[in-house]
Amino acid sequence: MKRLILGTFLLLFAASVNAQTNVELKINHKLGEEDFVLDAVGTNNLGNDFKATRLEYYLTKITIVHDGGTETAVSDDVMALVRPEDEISTTIELGSFDVTAIESVKFHIGVYEPINNDDPTLWAADHPLAPKSPSMHWGWAAGYRFIAYEGFGGADFSQNFQLHGLGNSNYFEVESDVWVDTDGGTMIMSLNGDYAAGLNDIDLTAGTISHGETGAAKKVLENWRDVVFGLYTVGIDENAIALDWSVYPNPSNGDIVVNFDNTTEVNQINIVNPLGEIVQTAFVNDNKKMELTIPDSGIYFVTVLDAKGETIATERLIIK
């Protein structure tokens, strides 16, 4: 009997280990519709053009939302100093979890208490919280700069702006849907960060210097919380024109039919994921009915293009 119980325990243990899946969080760095790079021209919602010369921020306390709303917290030891100026995307290894279907992610911008007010010199040199140059630590009382965003705006980009957001009261949580890919058994949660939106409602025409917990510095942190992150499809208008067409079944198990009553204006179909990436293309012929197969589950957009390559219609599609 003891051997049977032990054997059953080992089988259950092995099953629990096998259920663990490696999960990563990938942030694609954007400046509007383009990839974020230093000195590129961006525009905020006030129509103010700007060029960034520095951008870095802390990301901590991550939670995975999965399998019908279950929330699984990632270890507090997992944190990152994200530097969009260094790379097109940042990937953070979160660990192994018992997850099947990931729906969204939650995380915080900044450093949490009491770590925020600890001595930065106590950390190993390669740790995100160790002293940096230029500095990301403001002082013992205020703690770390949660975000450091600097650059030039105004006429001929002659006006310097410096926005350093900090403060325990501004330790905001972000929640975002994600696009999930699987690579060699690792589930990769992807989302976009639009850093032009990070300067929304901030006047950059006369130079803005704001270091602290209020004013424009706080507004940057609020923008990071509210409008910077998410899934969006670049250049897609779901109500482009009234085209007589249909996509079915929707939702689908992967096999769909795209039917046109009139193909005069139609030249091409693109299947686009929520990150704005084209995952499949088909050119329309005289046949008014096209059959397509999309192998991976998720949310997509079926976009119809004319001969000039302009999108003339879009339909949202769910693949189960």
C-alpha atoms as a PDB file:
ATOM      1  CA  MET A   1       0.000   0.000   0.000  1.00  0.00           C
ATOM      2  CA  LYS A   2       2.809   2.420   0.858  1.00  0.00           C
ATOM      3  CA  ARG A   3       4.435   1.791  -2.515  1.00  0.00           C
ATOM      4  CA  LEU A   4       1.129   2.484  -4.275  1.00  0.00           C
ATOM      5  CA  ILE A   5       0.623   5.736  -2.366  1.00  0.00           C
ATOM      6  CA  LEU A   6       4.189   6.805  -3.048  1.00  0.00           C
ATOM      7  CA  GLY A   7       3.833   5.973  -6.729  1.00  0.00           C
ATOM      8  CA  THR A   8       0.599   7.942  -6.959  1.00  0.00           C
ATOM      9  CA  PHE A   9       2.245  10.908  -5.251  1.00  0.00           C
ATOM     10  CA  LEU A  10       5.149  10.845  -7.686  1.00  0.00           C
ATOM     11  CA  LEU A  11       2.767  10.729 -10.644  1.00  0.00           C
ATOM     12  CA  LEU A  12       0.817  13.703  -9.282  1.00  0.00           C
ATOM     13  CA  PHE A  13       4.052  15.599  -8.624  1.00  0.00           C
ATOM     14  CA  ALA A  14       5.295  14.896 -12.145  1.00  0.00           C
ATOM     15  CA  ALA A  15       1.962  16.044 -13.577  1.00  0.00           C
ATOM     16  CA  SER A  16       2.124  19.284 -11.604  1.00  0.00           C
ATOM     17  CA  VAL A  17       5.680  19.915 -12.797  1.00  0.00           C
ATOM     18  CA  ASN A  18       4.722  19.199 -16.396  1.00  0.00           C
ATOM     19  CA  ALA A  19       1.828  21.675 -16.101  1.00  0.00           C
ATOM     20  CA  GLN A  20       4.245  24.517 -15.456  1.00  0.00           C
ATOM     21  CA  THR A  21       4.803  26.778 -18.464  1.00  0.00           C
ATOM     22  CA  ASN A  22       7.520  29.375 -18.888  1.00  0.00           C
ATOM     23  CA  VAL A  23       6.021  32.838 -19.401  1.00  0.00           C
ATOM     24  CA  GLU A  24       7.632  36.024 -20.705  1.00  0.00           C
ATOM     25  CA  LEU A  25       6.391  39.595 -21.070  1.00  0.00           C
ATOM     26  CA  LYS A  26       7.416  41.419 -24.251  1.00  0.00           C
ATOM     27  CA  ILE A  27       6.952  45.173 -24.660  1.00  0.00           C
ATOM     28  CA  ASN A  28       7.242  46.555 -28.197  1.00  0.00           C
ATOM     29  CA  HIS A  29       8.528  50.142 -28.061  1.00  0.00           C
ATOM     30  CA  LYS A  30       6.594  52.510 -30.328  1.00  0.00           C
ATOM     31  CA  LEU A  31       6.454  56.196 -31.141  1.00  0.00           C
ATOM     32  CA  GLY A  32       3.002  56.441 -32.617  1.00  0.00           C
ATOM     33  CA  GLU A  33       3.001  54.072 -35.569  1.00  0.00           C
ATOM     34  CA  GLU A  34       6.806  53.798 -35.805  1.00  0.00           C
ATOM     35  CA  ASP A  35       9.400  52.011 -33.689  1.00  0.00           C
ATOM     36  CA  PHE A  36      10.765  54.176 -30.896  1.00  0.00           C
ATOM     37  CA  VAL A  37      14.292  55.507 -31.425  1.00  0.00           C
ATOM     38  CA  LEU A  38      16.028  58.486 -29.893  1.00  0.00           C
ATOM     39  CA  ASP A  39      15.895  61.752 -31.878  1.00  0.00           C
ATOM     40  CA  ALA A  40      12.997  60.540 -34.032  1.00  0.00           C
ATOM     41  CA  VAL A  41      10.156  63.046 -34.375  1.00  0.00           C
ATOM     42  CA  GLY A  42       7.039  62.192 -32.406  1.00  0.00           C
ATOM     43  CA  THR A  43       3.793  64.103 -31.845  1.00  0.00           C
ATOM     44  CA  ASN A  44       1.580  64.181 -28.777  1.00  0.00           C
ATOM     45  CA  ASN A  45      -2.188  64.700 -28.712  1.00  0.00           C
ATOM     46  CA  LEU A  46      -1.746  68.499 -28.567  1.00  0.00           C
ATOM     47  CA  GLY A  47       0.048  68.441 -31.908  1.00  0.00           C
ATOM     48  CA  ASN A  48       3.409  69.238 -30.264  1.00  0.00           C
ATOM     49  CA  ASP A  49       6.332  67.713 -32.148  1.00  0.00           C
ATOM     50  CA  PHE A  50       9.244  66.488 -30.065  1.00  0.00           C
ATOM     51  CA  LYS A  51      12.472  64.491 -30.135  1.00  0.00           C
ATOM     52  CA  ALA A  52      13.339  62.253 -27.192  1.00  0.00           C
ATOM     53  CA  THR A  53      16.911  62.126 -25.912  1.00  0.00           C
ATOM     54  CA  ARG A  54      16.326  59.902 -22.876  1.00  0.00           C
ATOM     55  CA  LEU A  55      13.645  57.448 -21.806  1.00  0.00           C
ATOM     56  CA  GLU A  56      13.751  54.813 -19.070  1.00  0.00           C
ATOM     57  CA  TYR A  57      11.282  53.537 -16.532  1.00  0.00           C
ATOM     58  CA  TYR A  58      10.847  50.855 -13.872  1.00  0.00           C
ATOM     59  CA  LEU A  59       8.384  47.983 -14.193  1.00  0.00           C
ATOM     60  CA  THR A  60       7.591  45.902 -11.068  1.00  0.00           C
ATOM     61  CA  LYS A  61       4.930  43.739  -9.346  1.00  0.00           C
ATOM     62  CA  ILE A  62       3.590  41.797 -12.343  1.00  0.00           C
ATOM     63  CA  THR A  63       0.403  39.703 -12.310  1.00  0.00           C
ATOM     64  CA  ILE A  64      -0.707  37.255 -15.008  1.00  0.00           C
ATOM     65  CA  VAL A  65      -4.472  37.068 -15.654  1.00  0.00           C
ATOM     66  CA  HIS A  66      -5.374  33.709 -17.154  1.00  0.00           C
ATOM     67  CA  ASP A  67      -7.886  30.861 -17.520  1.00  0.00           C
ATOM     68  CA  GLY A  68     -11.102  32.750 -16.930  1.00  0.00           C
ATOM     69  CA  GLY A  69      -9.825  35.576 -14.762  1.00  0.00           C
ATOM     70  CA  THR A  70      -7.478  33.733 -12.407  1.00  0.00           C
ATOM     71  CA  GLU A  71      -4.750  36.097 -11.200  1.00  0.00           C
ATOM     72  CA  THR A  72      -1.272  34.716 -10.516  1.00  0.00           C
ATOM     73  CA  ALA A  73       1.311  37.070  -9.050  1.00  0.00           C
ATOM     74  CA  VAL A  74       4.866  36.931 -10.340  1.00  0.00           C
ATOM     75  CA  SER A  75       7.644  37.034  -7.740  1.00  0.00           C
ATOM     76  CA  ASP A  76       8.387  40.555  -6.512  1.00  0.00           C
ATOM     77  CA  ASP A  77      12.023  39.810  -7.334  1.00  0.00           C
ATOM     78  CA  VAL A  78      11.141  40.075 -11.031  1.00  0.00           C
ATOM     79  CA  MET A  79      11.604  43.708 -12.022  1.00  0.00           C
ATOM     80  CA  ALA A  80      13.079  45.614 -14.929  1.00  0.00           C
ATOM     81  CA  LEU A  81      14.560  48.972 -15.779  1.00  0.00           C
ATOM     82  CA  VAL A  82      13.079  49.351 -19.254  1.00  0.00           C
ATOM     83  CA  ARG A  83      15.180  51.422 -21.662  1.00  0.00           C
ATOM     84  CA  PRO A  84      13.346  51.817 -24.999  1.00  0.00           C
ATOM     85  CA  GLU A  85      16.307  53.842 -26.244  1.00  0.00           C
ATOM     86  CA  ASP A  86      18.411  50.656 -26.257  1.00  0.00           C
ATOM     87  CA  GLU A  87      16.190  48.172 -28.108  1.00  0.00           C
ATOM     88  CA  ILE A  88      13.063  47.850 -30.240  1.00  0.00           C
ATOM     89  CA  SER A  89      11.438  45.591 -27.647  1.00  0.00           C
ATOM     90  CA  THR A  90      12.110  44.465 -24.093  1.00  0.00           C
ATOM     91  CA  THR A  91      11.461  40.880 -22.957  1.00  0.00           C
ATOM     92  CA  ILE A  92      11.146  40.078 -19.246  1.00  0.00           C
ATOM     93  CA  GLU A  93      11.353  36.452 -18.068  1.00  0.00           C
ATOM     94  CA  LEU A  94       8.619  35.962 -15.471  1.00  0.00           C
ATOM     95  CA  GLY A  95       9.106  32.317 -14.436  1.00  0.00           C
ATOM     96  CA  SER A  96       7.081  29.093 -14.716  1.00  0.00           C
ATOM     97  CA  PHE A  97       3.356  28.975 -13.947  1.00  0.00           C
ATOM     98  CA  ASP A  98       0.355  26.688 -14.207  1.00  0.00           C
ATOM     99  CA  VAL A  99      -1.392  28.561 -17.015  1.00  0.00           C
ATOM    100  CA  THR A 100      -3.246  27.450 -20.123  1.00  0.00           C
ATOM    101  CA  ALA A 101      -4.801  30.555 -21.671  1.00  0.00           C
ATOM    102  CA  ILE A 102      -3.456  34.030 -20.812  1.00  0.00           C
ATOM    103  CA  GLU A 103      -5.917  36.896 -21.098  1.00  0.00           C
ATOM    104  CA  SER A 104      -4.157  40.001 -19.805  1.00  0.00           C
ATOM    105  CA  VAL A 105      -1.354  41.302 -17.641  1.00  0.00           C
ATOM    106  CA  LYS A 106      -1.102  43.732 -14.740  1.00  0.00           C
ATOM    107  CA  PHE A 107       2.053  45.522 -13.671  1.00  0.00           C
ATOM    108  CA  HIS A 108       3.199  48.666 -11.895  1.00  0.00           C
ATOM    109  CA  ILE A 109       5.312  51.563 -13.092  1.00  0.00           C
ATOM    110  CA  GLY A 110       7.956  52.482 -10.533  1.00  0.00           C
ATOM    111  CA  VAL A 111       9.412  50.875  -7.409  1.00  0.00           C
ATOM    112  CA  TYR A 112       7.277  49.685  -4.503  1.00  0.00           C
ATOM    113  CA  GLU A 113       7.554  50.500  -0.807  1.00  0.00           C
ATOM    114  CA  PRO A 114       9.710  50.000   1.232  1.00  0.00           C
ATOM    115  CA  ILE A 115      12.198  49.051  -1.512  1.00  0.00           C
ATOM    116  CA  ASN A 116      11.690  52.467  -3.088  1.00  0.00           C
ATOM    117  CA  ASN A 117      13.210  54.153  -0.059  1.00  0.00           C
ATOM    118  CA  ASP A 118      16.092  51.753   0.553  1.00  0.00           C
ATOM    119  CA  ASP A 119      19.777  52.381  -0.103  1.00  0.00           C
ATOM    120  CA  PRO A 120      20.496  51.753  -3.841  1.00  0.00           C
ATOM    121  CA  THR A 121      24.132  50.930  -3.112  1.00  0.00           C
ATOM    122  CA  LEU A 122      23.047  47.703  -1.391  1.00  0.00           C
ATOM    123  CA  TRP A 123      22.158  46.123  -4.741  1.00  0.00           C
ATOM    124  CA  ALA A 124      24.593  44.242  -6.952  1.00  0.00           C
ATOM    125  CA  ALA A 125      25.988  46.347  -9.773  1.00  0.00           C
ATOM    126  CA  ASP A 126      23.972  44.517 -12.461  1.00  0.00           C
ATOM    127  CA  HIS A 127      20.645  44.782 -10.586  1.00  0.00           C
ATOM    128  CA  PRO A 128      17.996  47.176 -11.987  1.00  0.00           C
ATOM    129  CA  LEU A 129      17.935  49.071  -8.666  1.00  0.00           C
ATOM    130  CA  ALA A 130      21.704  49.566  -8.399  1.00  0.00           C
ATOM    131  CA  PRO A 131      23.048  53.102  -9.014  1.00  0.00           C
ATOM    132  CA  LYS A 132      22.849  54.106 -12.683  1.00  0.00           C
ATOM    133  CA  SER A 133      24.397  56.779 -14.856  1.00  0.00           C
ATOM    134  CA  PRO A 134      22.492  58.933 -15.549  1.00  0.00           C
ATOM    135  CA  SER A 135      20.939  58.438 -12.141  1.00  0.00           C
ATOM    136  CA  MET A 136      17.524  56.827 -11.658  1.00  0.00           C
ATOM    137  CA  HIS A 137      17.564  57.434  -7.885  1.00  0.00           C
ATOM    138  CA  TRP A 138      16.226  60.760  -6.634  1.00  0.00           C
ATOM    139  CA  GLY A 139      16.922  60.507  -2.921  1.00  0.00           C
ATOM    140  CA  TRP A 140      16.203  58.611   0.280  1.00  0.00           C
ATOM    141  CA  ALA A 141      12.854  60.270   0.983  1.00  0.00           C
ATOM    142  CA  ALA A 142      11.428  60.282  -2.556  1.00  0.00           C
ATOM    143  CA  GLY A 143      13.138  57.129  -3.781  1.00  0.00           C
ATOM    144  CA  TYR A 144      13.660  56.279  -7.433  1.00  0.00           C
ATOM    145  CA  ARG A 145      12.681  58.092 -10.572  1.00  0.00           C
ATOM    146  CA  PHE A 146       9.826  55.910 -11.790  1.00  0.00           C
ATOM    147  CA  ILE A 147      10.148  57.452 -15.267  1.00  0.00           C
ATOM    148  CA  ALA A 148      12.818  59.698 -16.755  1.00  0.00           C
ATOM    149  CA  TYR A 149      11.686  61.239 -20.066  1.00  0.00           C
ATOM    150  CA  GLU A 150      13.767  63.994 -21.657  1.00  0.00           C
ATOM    151  CA  GLY A 151      14.062  65.665 -25.044  1.00  0.00           C
ATOM    152  CA  PHE A 152      13.376  68.762 -27.114  1.00  0.00           C
ATOM    153  CA  GLY A 153      10.206  70.361 -28.423  1.00  0.00           C
ATOM    154  CA  GLY A 154       9.033  73.770 -29.577  1.00  0.00           C
ATOM    155  CA  ALA A 155      10.100  75.683 -32.672  1.00  0.00           C
ATOM    156  CA  ASP A 156      13.103  74.001 -34.326  1.00  0.00           C
ATOM    157  CA  PHE A 157      13.228  71.690 -31.278  1.00  0.00           C
ATOM    158  CA  SER A 158      14.927  74.437 -29.303  1.00  0.00           C
ATOM    159  CA  GLN A 159      13.013  73.924 -26.042  1.00  0.00           C
ATOM    160  CA  ASN A 160      14.300  71.321 -23.598  1.00  0.00           C
ATOM    161  CA  PHE A 161      11.843  69.201 -21.592  1.00  0.00           C
ATOM    162  CA  GLN A 162      12.716  67.052 -18.575  1.00  0.00           C
ATOM    163  CA  LEU A 163      10.031  64.943 -16.927  1.00  0.00           C
ATOM    164  CA  HIS A 164      11.057  62.820 -13.949  1.00  0.00           C
ATOM    165  CA  GLY A 165       8.045  61.196 -12.290  1.00  0.00           C
ATOM    166  CA  LEU A 166       8.401  59.718  -8.801  1.00  0.00           C
ATOM    167  CA  GLY A 167       6.719  59.283  -5.428  1.00  0.00           C
ATOM    168  CA  ASN A 168       5.097  56.404  -3.548  1.00  0.00           C
ATOM    169  CA  SER A 169       1.659  57.980  -4.055  1.00  0.00           C
ATOM    170  CA  ASN A 170       2.212  57.707  -7.828  1.00  0.00           C
ATOM    171  CA  TYR A 171       2.992  53.982  -7.878  1.00  0.00           C
ATOM    172  CA  PHE A 172       0.290  53.177 -10.441  1.00  0.00           C
ATOM    173  CA  GLU A 173      -0.919  49.824 -11.743  1.00  0.00           C
ATOM    174  CA  VAL A 174      -1.352  49.194 -15.469  1.00  0.00           C
ATOM    175  CA  GLU A 175      -3.687  46.556 -16.886  1.00  0.00           C
ATOM    176  CA  SER A 176      -3.593  45.539 -20.540  1.00  0.00           C
ATOM    177  CA  ASP A 177      -4.785  42.828 -22.886  1.00  0.00           C
ATOM    178  CA  VAL A 178      -1.947  40.882 -24.464  1.00  0.00           C
ATOM    179  CA  TRP A 179      -1.211  38.977 -27.636  1.00  0.00           C
ATOM    180  CA  VAL A 180       0.154  35.519 -26.785  1.00  0.00           C
ATOM    181  CA  ASP A 181       2.606  33.530 -28.902  1.00  0.00           C
ATOM    182  CA  THR A 182       4.215  30.201 -28.040  1.00  0.00           C
ATOM    183  CA  ASP A 183       7.900  29.637 -28.784  1.00  0.00           C
ATOM    184  CA  GLY A 184       9.449  26.303 -27.818  1.00  0.00           C
ATOM    185  CA  GLY A 185       7.080  25.807 -24.912  1.00  0.00           C
ATOM    186  CA  THR A 186       7.372  29.410 -23.678  1.00  0.00           C
ATOM    187  CA  MET A 187       4.284  31.602 -23.689  1.00  0.00           C
ATOM    188  CA  ILE A 188       5.184  35.157 -24.712  1.00  0.00           C
ATOM    189  CA  MET A 189       2.735  37.904 -23.740  1.00  0.00           C
ATOM    190  CA  SER A 190       3.181  40.870 -26.076  1.00  0.00           C
ATOM    191  CA  LEU A 191       1.834  44.389 -25.895  1.00  0.00           C
ATOM    192  CA  ASN A 192       2.797  47.770 -27.304  1.00  0.00           C
ATOM    193  CA  GLY A 193       4.028  50.870 -25.543  1.00  0.00           C
ATOM    194  CA  ASP A 194       3.263  54.105 -27.422  1.00  0.00           C
ATOM    195  CA  TYR A 195       5.616  56.663 -25.869  1.00  0.00           C
ATOM    196  CA  ALA A 196       4.228  59.549 -27.908  1.00  0.00           C
ATOM    197  CA  ALA A 197       1.051  59.059 -25.872  1.00  0.00           C
ATOM    198  CA  GLY A 198       3.223  59.270 -22.763  1.00  0.00           C
ATOM    199  CA  LEU A 199       3.457  63.025 -23.402  1.00  0.00           C
ATOM    200  CA  ASN A 200      -0.267  63.574 -23.931  1.00  0.00           C
ATOM    201  CA  ASP A 201      -1.693  66.828 -22.523  1.00  0.00           C
ATOM    202  CA  ILE A 202       1.786  68.206 -21.781  1.00  0.00           C
ATOM    203  CA  ASP A 203       2.786  71.478 -23.474  1.00  0.00           C
ATOM    204  CA  LEU A 204       6.192  70.938 -25.070  1.00  0.00           C
ATOM    205  CA  THR A 205       6.351  74.226 -26.989  1.00  0.00           C
ATOM    206  CA  ALA A 206       8.011  76.364 -24.316  1.00  0.00           C
ATOM    207  CA  GLY A 207      10.088  73.798 -22.475  1.00  0.00           C
ATOM    208  CA  THR A 208       8.765  71.921 -19.467  1.00  0.00           C
ATOM    209  CA  ILE A 209      10.990  70.981 -16.544  1.00  0.00           C
ATOM    210  CA  SER A 210       9.140  68.913 -13.950  1.00  0.00           C
ATOM    211  CA  HIS A 211      10.913  66.718 -11.395  1.00  0.00           C
ATOM    212  CA  GLY A 212       8.778  65.320  -8.604  1.00  0.00           C
ATOM    213  CA  GLU A 213       5.378  63.994  -7.566  1.00  0.00           C
ATOM    214  CA  THR A 214       3.077  66.632  -9.082  1.00  0.00           C
ATOM    215  CA  GLY A 215       2.506  68.627 -12.268  1.00  0.00           C
ATOM    216  CA  ALA A 216       3.750  67.373 -15.611  1.00  0.00           C
ATOM    217  CA  ALA A 217       5.933  64.739 -13.932  1.00  0.00           C
ATOM    218  CA  LYS A 218       2.840  63.151 -12.400  1.00  0.00           C
ATOM    219  CA  LYS A 219       0.955  63.502 -15.698  1.00  0.00           C
ATOM    220  CA  VAL A 220       3.586  61.362 -17.435  1.00  0.00           C
ATOM    221  CA  LEU A 221       3.015  58.623 -14.854  1.00  0.00           C
ATOM    222  CA  GLU A 222      -0.755  58.911 -15.323  1.00  0.00           C
ATOM    223  CA  ASN A 223      -0.276  58.600 -19.090  1.00  0.00           C
ATOM    224  CA  TRP A 224       1.804  55.463 -18.573  1.00  0.00           C
ATOM    225  CA  ARG A 225      -1.061  54.105 -16.486  1.00  0.00           C
ATOM    226  CA  ASP A 226      -3.901  55.130 -18.799  1.00  0.00           C
ATOM    227  CA  VAL A 227      -2.882  55.410 -22.454  1.00  0.00           C
ATOM    228  CA  VAL A 228       0.658  54.200 -23.195  1.00  0.00           C
ATOM    229  CA  PHE A 229       0.178  50.428 -23.130  1.00  0.00           C
ATOM    230  CA  GLY A 230      -2.189  48.132 -24.973  1.00  0.00           C
ATOM    231  CA  LEU A 231      -3.023  46.323 -28.158  1.00  0.00           C
ATOM    232  CA  TYR A 232      -3.746  48.417 -31.187  1.00  0.00           C
ATOM    233  CA  THR A 233      -3.793  47.914 -34.919  1.00  0.00           C
ATOM    234  CA  VAL A 234      -1.869  50.531 -36.833  1.00  0.00           C
ATOM    235  CA  GLY A 235      -3.649  52.065 -39.793  1.00  0.00           C
ATOM    236  CA  ILE A 236      -6.830  50.011 -39.476  1.00  0.00           C
ATOM    237  CA  ASP A 237     -10.213  51.697 -39.639  1.00  0.00           C
ATOM    238  CA  GLU A 238     -13.007  49.244 -38.846  1.00  0.00           C
ATOM    239  CA  ASN A 239     -15.489  51.522 -40.623  1.00  0.00           C
ATOM    240  CA  ALA A 240     -13.426  52.440 -43.667  1.00  0.00           C
ATOM    241  CA  ILE A 241     -16.212  52.182 -46.263  1.00  0.00           C
ATOM    242  CA  ALA A 242     -19.491  50.356 -46.721  1.00  0.00           C
ATOM    243  CA  LEU A 243     -18.285  47.348 -48.707  1.00  0.00           C
ATOM    244  CA  ASP A 244     -20.693  44.522 -49.506  1.00  0.00           C
ATOM    245  CA  TRP A 245     -18.770  41.586 -48.054  1.00  0.00           C
ATOM    246  CA  SER A 246     -18.805  39.080 -45.207  1.00  0.00           C
ATOM    247  CA  VAL A 247     -16.453  36.936 -43.114  1.00  0.00           C
ATOM    248  CA  TYR A 248     -17.846  33.707 -41.659  1.00  0.00           C
ATOM    249  CA  PRO A 249     -18.046  31.798 -39.435  1.00  0.00           C
ATOM    250  CA  ASN A 250     -17.083  34.308 -36.754  1.00  0.00           C
ATOM    251  CA  PRO A 251     -16.005  33.089 -34.213  1.00  0.00           C
ATOM    252  CA  SER A 252     -14.247  30.332 -36.113  1.00  0.00           C
ATOM    253  CA  ASN A 253     -12.113  27.274 -35.396  1.00  0.00           C
ATOM    254  CA  GLY A 254      -9.582  28.543 -37.957  1.00  0.00           C
ATOM    255  CA  ASP A 255     -11.270  27.971 -41.314  1.00  0.00           C
ATOM    256  CA  ILE A 256     -13.032  31.050 -42.671  1.00  0.00           C
ATOM    257  CA  VAL A 257     -14.749  32.165 -45.837  1.00  0.00           C
ATOM    258  CA  VAL A 258     -14.447  35.714 -47.143  1.00  0.00           C
ATOM    259  CA  ASN A 259     -17.256  36.483 -49.528  1.00  0.00           C
ATOM    260  CA  PHE A 260     -17.627  39.519 -51.799  1.00  0.00           C
ATOM    261  CA  ASP A 261     -20.735  40.439 -53.734  1.00  0.00           C
ATOM    262  CA  ASN A 262     -18.613  42.803 -55.827  1.00  0.00           C
ATOM    263  CA  THR A 263     -14.817  42.544 -56.214  1.00  0.00           C
ATOM    264  CA  THR A 264     -14.355  45.634 -58.380  1.00  0.00           C
ATOM    265  CA  GLU A 265     -12.567  47.653 -55.702  1.00  0.00           C
ATOM    266  CA  VAL A 266     -10.932  44.716 -53.902  1.00  0.00           C
ATOM    267  CA  ASN A 267      -7.341  43.661 -54.575  1.00  0.00           C
ATOM    268  CA  GLN A 268      -5.902  42.041 -51.438  1.00  0.00           C
ATOM    269  CA  ILE A 269      -6.820  40.612 -48.044  1.00  0.00           C
ATOM    270  CA  ASN A 270      -4.526  40.884 -45.015  1.00  0.00           C
ATOM    271  CA  ILE A 271      -4.973  39.002 -41.758  1.00  0.00           C
ATOM    272  CA  VAL A 272      -3.572  41.278 -39.033  1.00  0.00           C
ATOM    273  CA  ASN A 273      -2.989  40.515 -35.347  1.00  0.00           C
ATOM    274  CA  PRO A 274      -3.675  43.057 -32.554  1.00  0.00           C
ATOM    275  CA  LEU A 275      -0.054  44.209 -32.655  1.00  0.00           C
ATOM    276  CA  GLY A 276      -0.529  45.431 -36.206  1.00  0.00           C
ATOM    277  CA  GLU A 277       1.535  42.580 -37.682  1.00  0.00           C
ATOM    278  CA  ILE A 278       0.401  40.978 -40.960  1.00  0.00           C
ATOM    279  CA  VAL A 279       0.264  37.222 -40.405  1.00  0.00           C
ATOM    280  CA  GLN A 280      -1.282  36.217 -43.746  1.00  0.00           C
ATOM    281  CA  THR A 281      -1.928  37.784 -47.159  1.00  0.00           C
ATOM    282  CA  ALA A 282      -4.139  36.649 -50.025  1.00  0.00           C
ATOM    283  CA  PHE A 283      -4.740  38.326 -53.375  1.00  0.00           C
ATOM    284  CA  VAL A 284      -8.317  38.441 -54.603  1.00  0.00           C
ATOM    285  CA  ASN A 285      -9.162  36.954 -57.995  1.00  0.00           C
ATOM    286  CA  ASP A 286     -12.407  36.873 -59.924  1.00  0.00           C
ATOM    287  CA  ASN A 287     -13.786  34.312 -57.494  1.00  0.00           C
ATOM    288  CA  LYS A 288     -16.106  36.136 -55.103  1.00  0.00           C
ATOM    289  CA  LYS A 289     -15.577  33.542 -52.369  1.00  0.00           C
ATOM    290  CA  MET A 290     -12.169  32.927 -50.764  1.00  0.00           C
ATOM    291  CA  GLU A 291     -11.357  30.229 -48.211  1.00  0.00           C
ATOM    292  CA  LEU A 292      -8.585  30.901 -45.684  1.00  0.00           C
ATOM    293  CA  THR A 293      -7.120  28.990 -42.744  1.00  0.00           C
ATOM    294  CA  ILE A 294      -5.711  30.707 -39.649  1.00  0.00           C
ATOM    295  CA  PRO A 295      -3.987  28.092 -37.463  1.00  0.00           C
ATOM    296  CA  ASP A 296      -3.524  29.993 -34.192  1.00  0.00           C
ATOM    297  CA  SER A 297      -6.300  31.095 -31.859  1.00  0.00           C
ATOM    298  CA  GLY A 298      -6.720  34.745 -30.949  1.00  0.00           C
ATOM    299  CA  ILE A 299      -8.210  38.028 -32.124  1.00  0.00           C
ATOM    300  CA  TYR A 300      -7.464  39.149 -35.689  1.00  0.00           C
ATOM    301  CA  PHE A 301      -8.561  41.782 -38.172  1.00  0.00           C
ATOM    302  CA  VAL A 302      -9.454  40.861 -41.749  1.00  0.00           C
ATOM    303  CA  THR A 303      -8.545  43.933 -43.802  1.00  0.00           C
ATOM    304  CA  VAL A 304      -9.470  44.547 -47.404  1.00  0.00           C
ATOM    305  CA  LEU A 305      -7.145  46.632 -49.591  1.00  0.00           C
ATOM    306  CA  ASP A 306      -7.723  48.258 -52.958  1.00  0.00           C
ATOM    307  CA  ALA A 307      -5.288  48.339 -55.891  1.00  0.00           C
ATOM    308  CA  LYS A 308      -3.476  51.329 -54.322  1.00  0.00           C
ATOM    309  CA  GLY A 309      -2.796  49.346 -51.152  1.00  0.00           C
ATOM    310  CA  GLU A 310      -5.202  51.409 -49.069  1.00  0.00           C
ATOM    311  CA  THR A 311      -7.463  49.754 -46.503  1.00  0.00           C
ATOM    312  CA  ILE A 312     -11.089  50.055 -47.573  1.00  0.00           C
ATOM    313  CA  ALA A 313     -12.787  47.761 -45.047  1.00  0.00           C
ATOM    314  CA  THR A 314     -11.993  45.800 -41.880  1.00  0.00           C
ATOM    315  CA  GLU A 315     -13.743  43.065 -39.937  1.00  0.00           C
ATOM    316  CA  ARG A 316     -12.801  41.826 -36.461  1.00  0.00           C
ATOM    317  CA  LEU A 317     -12.365  38.049 -36.304  1.00  0.00           C
ATOM    318  CA  ILE A 318     -12.095  35.634 -33.374  1.00  0.00           C
ATOM    319  CA  ILE A 319     -10.318  32.294 -33.817  1.00  0.00           C
ATOM    320  CA  LYS A 320     -11.029  29.814 -31.008  1.00  0.00           C
END
